[in-house]
Amino acid sequence: MSRSYVITGAGSGIGKTTAAILEARGDTVIGVDLRGAAVAGDLSTPTGRADAAAEATRLAGGTVDAVIACAGLALPKPLTAAVNYFGMTEFLDAMRPALAGSAAPRVALISSMASIQPVAPALVDALLTDDEPAALAIAERLAEDPATGNLIYSSSKRAISRWVRREAPSAAWAGAGIPLNAVAPGTVVTPMTAELLATPDGRALVDASVPMPLNSHQGPESIAKLLIWLTSVENSHCCGQTIYCDGGADAVLRGDDVWSWNEEGIQARFAEIFAGLQN
């Protein structure tokens, strides 16, 4: 049975590839982008996000089966924080009424393996408290120094993965039967990365920060197919996950133990739960 999708960032890169795969198999896709899509939407502003969601909902006839949020930037500018975080969270919140009409609603979005790289904690905090003016002001200060400007991207991706983890189990998402998950790519060969990967020095710089022992740099279809599965009927129980489809970069950088750092906290949480049950 065919499904209906709304895809942001559908004009290029991963979003365009995802849309093409879905359309080729007979699904209906409503693309959202600044250009080259059915909905011309500026996700860098609150008004632009609301208008884009309203138009996508109208074109879908009021109901959509899945939303895939791919729109994003990697510039060392405040615009990156606006699009990568608020352009996803506010757009997805605005699409929830349309998803509610589907028998099997699903949502997936793009994070990045950069979410595990150094960040600016103050920017992450401002994003997660949904304080856009404060977040943009912090990003503006970071952008003034080339040494800190790149933290805007990693901070936006850390924040969006934390938002997914925080919101996915909530009544608004899991409680409404909507799986919400993210995919974290490694180095994807798209127009956004083409210039950097065009020279040996550029490739060496990328590979030093994003080591990909499995098959090296990836095509956008590797991410598109995972996004499609996450938003398929078959995905019934993935909830709040950021899946690192990154050629092994996460495993290399974080190693084999990503649990022990919080063992005391986990034990304390279980003790609280059991104490509550006994009472």
Protein backbone atom coordinates (compact mmCIF):
# COMPACT_ATOMS: atom_id res chain seq x y z
CA MET A 1 0.00 0.00 0.00
CA SER A 2 1.37 3.42 -0.94
CA ARG A 3 2.02 6.03 1.74
CA SER A 4 2.15 9.81 1.78
CA TYR A 5 5.30 11.64 2.87
CA VAL A 6 6.34 15.20 3.60
CA ILE A 7 10.10 15.67 3.22
CA THR A 8 11.98 18.84 4.12
CA GLY A 9 15.20 19.56 2.29
CA ALA A 10 13.74 17.73 -0.72
CA GLY A 11 15.47 20.00 -3.23
CA SER A 12 18.92 18.47 -2.84
CA GLY A 13 21.11 15.93 -1.07
CA ILE A 14 19.63 13.27 1.18
CA GLY A 15 16.13 14.75 1.01
CA LYS A 16 16.09 14.71 -2.79
CA THR A 17 17.38 11.14 -2.92
CA THR A 18 14.83 9.99 -0.35
CA ALA A 19 12.00 11.60 -2.29
CA ALA A 20 13.15 10.00 -5.55
CA ILE A 21 13.26 6.49 -4.02
CA LEU A 22 9.79 6.88 -2.52
CA GLU A 23 8.26 8.27 -5.69
CA ALA A 24 9.83 5.49 -7.77
CA ARG A 25 8.05 2.88 -5.67
CA GLY A 26 4.70 4.64 -5.92
CA ASP A 27 4.48 6.71 -2.74
CA THR A 28 3.25 10.30 -2.70
CA VAL A 29 5.86 12.88 -1.72
CA ILE A 30 5.34 16.54 -0.88
CA GLY A 31 8.72 18.23 -0.82
CA VAL A 32 9.58 21.32 1.21
CA ASP A 33 12.62 23.46 0.41
CA LEU A 34 13.65 26.99 -0.43
CA ARG A 35 13.51 26.00 -4.10
CA GLY A 36 12.99 22.93 -6.25
CA ALA A 37 10.09 21.52 -4.21
CA ALA A 38 6.29 21.57 -4.14
CA VAL A 39 6.34 23.80 -1.05
CA ALA A 40 8.66 26.79 -1.05
CA GLY A 41 9.44 27.02 2.65
CA ASP A 42 11.94 29.03 4.67
CA LEU A 43 12.57 26.95 7.79
CA SER A 44 14.88 29.56 9.31
CA THR A 45 11.99 31.62 10.72
CA PRO A 46 8.94 30.80 12.87
CA THR A 47 6.58 32.19 10.24
CA GLY A 48 8.29 30.26 7.46
CA ARG A 49 8.03 26.99 9.40
CA ALA A 50 4.37 27.47 10.21
CA ASP A 51 3.50 28.48 6.65
CA ALA A 52 5.42 25.53 5.17
CA ALA A 53 3.68 23.05 7.46
CA ALA A 54 0.28 24.54 6.68
CA GLU A 55 0.86 24.35 2.93
CA ALA A 56 2.23 20.80 3.11
CA THR A 57 -0.81 19.76 5.13
CA ARG A 58 -3.12 21.42 2.61
CA LEU A 59 -1.46 19.64 -0.32
CA ALA A 60 -1.71 16.35 1.56
CA GLY A 61 -5.44 16.79 2.02
CA GLY A 62 -5.11 17.15 5.77
CA THR A 63 -3.50 13.78 6.47
CA VAL A 64 0.04 12.52 5.97
CA ASP A 65 1.54 9.15 6.87
CA ALA A 66 5.12 10.23 7.53
CA VAL A 67 7.38 13.25 7.80
CA ILE A 68 11.11 13.07 7.11
CA ALA A 69 13.05 16.19 8.11
CA CYS A 70 16.26 16.47 6.09
CA ALA A 71 16.68 20.24 5.72
CA GLY A 72 19.90 21.38 7.31
CA LEU A 73 22.99 23.54 7.00
CA ALA A 74 26.64 23.19 8.01
CA LEU A 75 27.66 26.84 7.84
CA PRO A 76 29.42 28.50 10.81
CA LYS A 77 26.54 30.94 11.09
CA PRO A 78 23.50 31.46 13.35
CA LEU A 79 21.31 30.41 10.41
CA THR A 80 22.54 26.85 10.94
CA ALA A 81 21.18 26.75 14.49
CA ALA A 82 17.84 28.16 13.33
CA VAL A 83 17.35 25.62 10.52
CA ASN A 84 18.95 22.54 12.09
CA TYR A 85 17.05 22.74 15.36
CA PHE A 86 13.99 25.01 15.25
CA GLY A 87 13.44 24.27 11.56
CA MET A 88 12.94 20.65 12.58
CA THR A 89 11.25 20.83 15.98
CA GLU A 90 8.71 23.54 15.14
CA PHE A 91 7.94 22.10 11.71
CA LEU A 92 7.40 18.61 13.13
CA ASP A 93 5.20 19.91 15.94
CA ALA A 94 3.13 21.76 13.34
CA MET A 95 2.72 18.55 11.31
CA ARG A 96 1.42 16.43 14.22
CA PRO A 97 -2.27 17.14 13.52
CA ALA A 98 -1.85 15.85 9.96
CA LEU A 99 -0.02 12.77 11.23
CA ALA A 100 -2.83 12.05 13.68
CA GLY A 101 -5.10 11.14 10.77
CA SER A 102 -2.82 8.31 9.59
CA ALA A 103 -3.26 4.69 10.59
CA ALA A 104 0.53 4.34 10.89
CA PRO A 105 2.17 7.74 11.41
CA ARG A 106 5.97 7.91 11.48
CA VAL A 107 8.64 10.62 11.79
CA ALA A 108 12.38 10.56 11.20
CA LEU A 109 14.94 13.32 10.96
CA ILE A 110 18.60 13.89 10.20
CA SER A 111 21.07 14.41 13.02
CA SER A 112 24.81 13.78 12.49
CA MET A 113 27.73 11.94 13.99
CA ALA A 114 28.91 15.50 14.77
CA SER A 115 26.50 15.24 17.72
CA ILE A 116 29.25 13.34 19.57
CA GLN A 117 31.93 15.92 18.76
CA PRO A 118 32.77 19.03 20.83
CA VAL A 119 29.88 21.47 21.30
CA ALA A 120 29.11 24.82 22.89
CA PRO A 121 27.09 23.82 26.00
CA ALA A 122 25.42 27.23 26.31
CA LEU A 123 24.09 26.95 22.76
CA VAL A 124 22.84 23.41 23.31
CA ASP A 125 21.03 24.53 26.47
CA ALA A 126 19.42 27.51 24.73
CA LEU A 127 18.21 25.29 21.90
CA LEU A 128 16.76 22.69 24.25
CA THR A 129 14.86 25.35 26.19
CA ASP A 130 13.37 26.52 22.86
CA ASP A 131 14.77 30.02 23.36
CA GLU A 132 15.47 30.96 19.77
CA PRO A 133 16.54 34.60 20.38
CA ALA A 134 19.05 33.46 23.01
CA ALA A 135 20.30 30.62 20.83
CA LEU A 136 20.84 32.89 17.85
CA ALA A 137 22.64 35.45 20.01
CA ILE A 138 25.01 32.77 21.31
CA ALA A 139 25.54 31.45 17.80
CA GLU A 140 26.30 34.99 16.61
CA ARG A 141 29.08 35.27 19.17
CA LEU A 142 30.46 31.85 18.24
CA ALA A 143 30.46 32.81 14.56
CA GLU A 144 32.70 35.80 15.25
CA ASP A 145 35.66 33.50 15.92
CA PRO A 146 36.70 30.91 13.29
CA ALA A 147 37.87 28.69 16.15
CA THR A 148 34.34 28.43 17.57
CA GLY A 149 32.12 28.95 14.54
CA ASN A 150 32.03 25.26 13.66
CA LEU A 151 30.62 24.48 17.12
CA ILE A 152 27.29 25.85 15.90
CA TYR A 153 26.75 22.81 13.66
CA SER A 154 27.75 20.17 16.20
CA SER A 155 25.73 21.93 18.91
CA SER A 156 22.62 21.97 16.73
CA LYS A 157 23.01 18.25 16.05
CA ARG A 158 23.63 17.40 19.71
CA ALA A 159 20.51 19.35 20.61
CA ILE A 160 18.31 17.74 17.96
CA SER A 161 19.35 14.24 19.04
CA ARG A 162 18.61 15.13 22.65
CA TRP A 163 15.24 16.60 21.61
CA VAL A 164 14.37 13.34 19.84
CA ARG A 165 15.33 11.32 22.90
CA ARG A 166 13.38 13.60 25.22
CA GLU A 167 10.24 13.97 23.12
CA ALA A 168 9.89 10.52 21.53
CA PRO A 169 8.58 8.73 24.67
CA SER A 170 6.14 11.54 25.49
CA ALA A 171 2.37 11.53 25.21
CA ALA A 172 2.57 13.78 22.15
CA TRP A 173 4.61 11.25 20.18
CA ALA A 174 4.77 7.69 21.57
CA GLY A 175 1.47 8.21 23.35
CA ALA A 176 -0.08 9.14 20.01
CA GLY A 177 1.42 6.08 18.32
CA ILE A 178 4.06 8.06 16.38
CA PRO A 179 7.60 6.62 16.37
CA LEU A 180 10.08 9.53 16.37
CA ASN A 181 13.72 8.77 15.56
CA ALA A 182 16.85 10.24 14.02
CA VAL A 183 19.64 9.08 11.73
CA ALA A 184 23.21 10.31 12.20
CA PRO A 185 25.23 10.09 8.97
CA GLY A 186 28.97 10.20 8.64
CA THR A 187 30.47 11.99 5.64
CA VAL A 188 27.84 11.92 2.91
CA VAL A 189 28.78 12.78 -0.65
CA THR A 190 26.32 15.57 -1.52
CA PRO A 191 26.57 19.06 -3.02
CA MET A 192 27.13 20.38 0.52
CA THR A 193 30.33 18.33 0.96
CA ALA A 194 31.54 18.20 -2.65
CA GLU A 195 33.93 21.16 -2.41
CA LEU A 196 35.54 19.93 0.80
CA LEU A 197 36.02 16.41 -0.56
CA ALA A 198 37.41 17.64 -3.89
CA THR A 199 41.01 17.97 -2.65
CA PRO A 200 43.37 15.58 -0.84
CA ASP A 201 43.81 18.06 2.00
CA GLY A 202 40.06 18.45 2.37
CA ARG A 203 39.50 14.71 2.43
CA ALA A 204 42.28 14.26 4.99
CA LEU A 205 40.70 16.90 7.23
CA VAL A 206 37.29 15.25 7.01
CA ASP A 207 38.62 11.75 7.60
CA ALA A 208 40.60 12.83 10.67
CA SER A 209 37.40 14.00 12.39
CA VAL A 210 35.03 11.44 10.86
CA PRO A 211 36.88 8.11 10.58
CA MET A 212 34.79 5.69 8.48
CA PRO A 213 36.46 2.25 8.38
CA LEU A 214 33.44 0.63 6.69
CA ASN A 215 33.28 1.63 3.00
CA SER A 216 34.49 5.21 3.64
CA HIS A 217 32.35 8.15 2.45
CA GLN A 218 28.73 7.24 1.84
CA GLY A 219 26.20 8.06 -0.81
CA PRO A 220 22.92 9.74 0.18
CA GLU A 221 20.98 6.57 -0.63
CA SER A 222 22.54 4.83 2.39
CA ILE A 223 20.79 7.33 4.65
CA ALA A 224 17.64 7.59 2.55
CA LYS A 225 16.90 3.88 2.80
CA LEU A 226 17.26 3.92 6.58
CA LEU A 227 14.98 6.95 6.85
CA ILE A 228 12.44 5.13 4.71
CA TRP A 229 12.51 2.06 6.95
CA LEU A 230 12.15 4.17 10.09
CA THR A 231 9.04 5.76 8.60
CA SER A 232 7.59 2.50 7.30
CA VAL A 233 4.79 0.47 8.83
CA GLU A 234 7.38 -2.18 9.72
CA ASN A 235 8.98 0.11 12.31
CA SER A 236 6.68 -0.35 15.26
CA HIS A 237 9.00 0.02 18.26
CA CYS A 238 12.09 2.15 17.53
CA CYS A 239 11.57 5.15 19.79
CA GLY A 240 13.87 8.08 20.52
CA GLN A 241 16.90 6.61 18.81
CA THR A 242 19.68 8.32 16.94
CA ILE A 243 20.98 5.57 14.67
CA TYR A 244 24.58 6.16 13.63
CA CYS A 245 24.77 5.14 9.97
CA ASP A 246 28.31 6.46 9.68
CA GLY A 247 30.68 3.75 8.47
CA GLY A 248 31.83 3.10 12.03
CA ALA A 249 32.79 6.66 13.05
CA ASP A 250 30.77 6.54 16.26
CA ALA A 251 32.26 3.16 17.22
CA VAL A 252 35.80 4.40 16.55
CA LEU A 253 35.42 7.68 18.43
CA ARG A 254 33.41 6.47 21.44
CA GLY A 255 34.85 2.97 21.70
CA ASP A 256 33.17 -0.16 22.97
CA ASP A 257 31.82 1.17 26.28
CA VAL A 258 29.17 3.89 26.15
CA TRP A 259 27.39 2.68 29.28
CA SER A 260 29.64 2.73 32.34
CA TRP A 261 29.84 6.52 32.62
CA ASN A 262 26.27 6.56 33.95
CA GLU A 263 26.09 3.30 35.91
CA GLU A 264 25.59 5.08 39.23
CA GLY A 265 22.82 7.24 37.78
CA ILE A 266 21.05 4.24 36.26
CA GLN A 267 21.24 2.29 39.52
CA ALA A 268 19.82 5.28 41.39
CA ARG A 269 16.96 5.57 38.91
CA PHE A 270 16.04 1.90 39.24
CA ALA A 271 16.12 2.27 43.03
CA GLU A 272 13.61 5.13 42.76
CA ILE A 273 11.34 3.06 40.53
CA PHE A 274 11.40 0.03 42.82
CA ALA A 275 10.87 2.19 45.91
CA GLY A 276 7.80 3.67 44.26
CA LEU A 277 6.43 0.23 43.44
CA GLN A 278 6.88 -0.93 47.00
CA ASN A 279 5.06 2.10 48.34
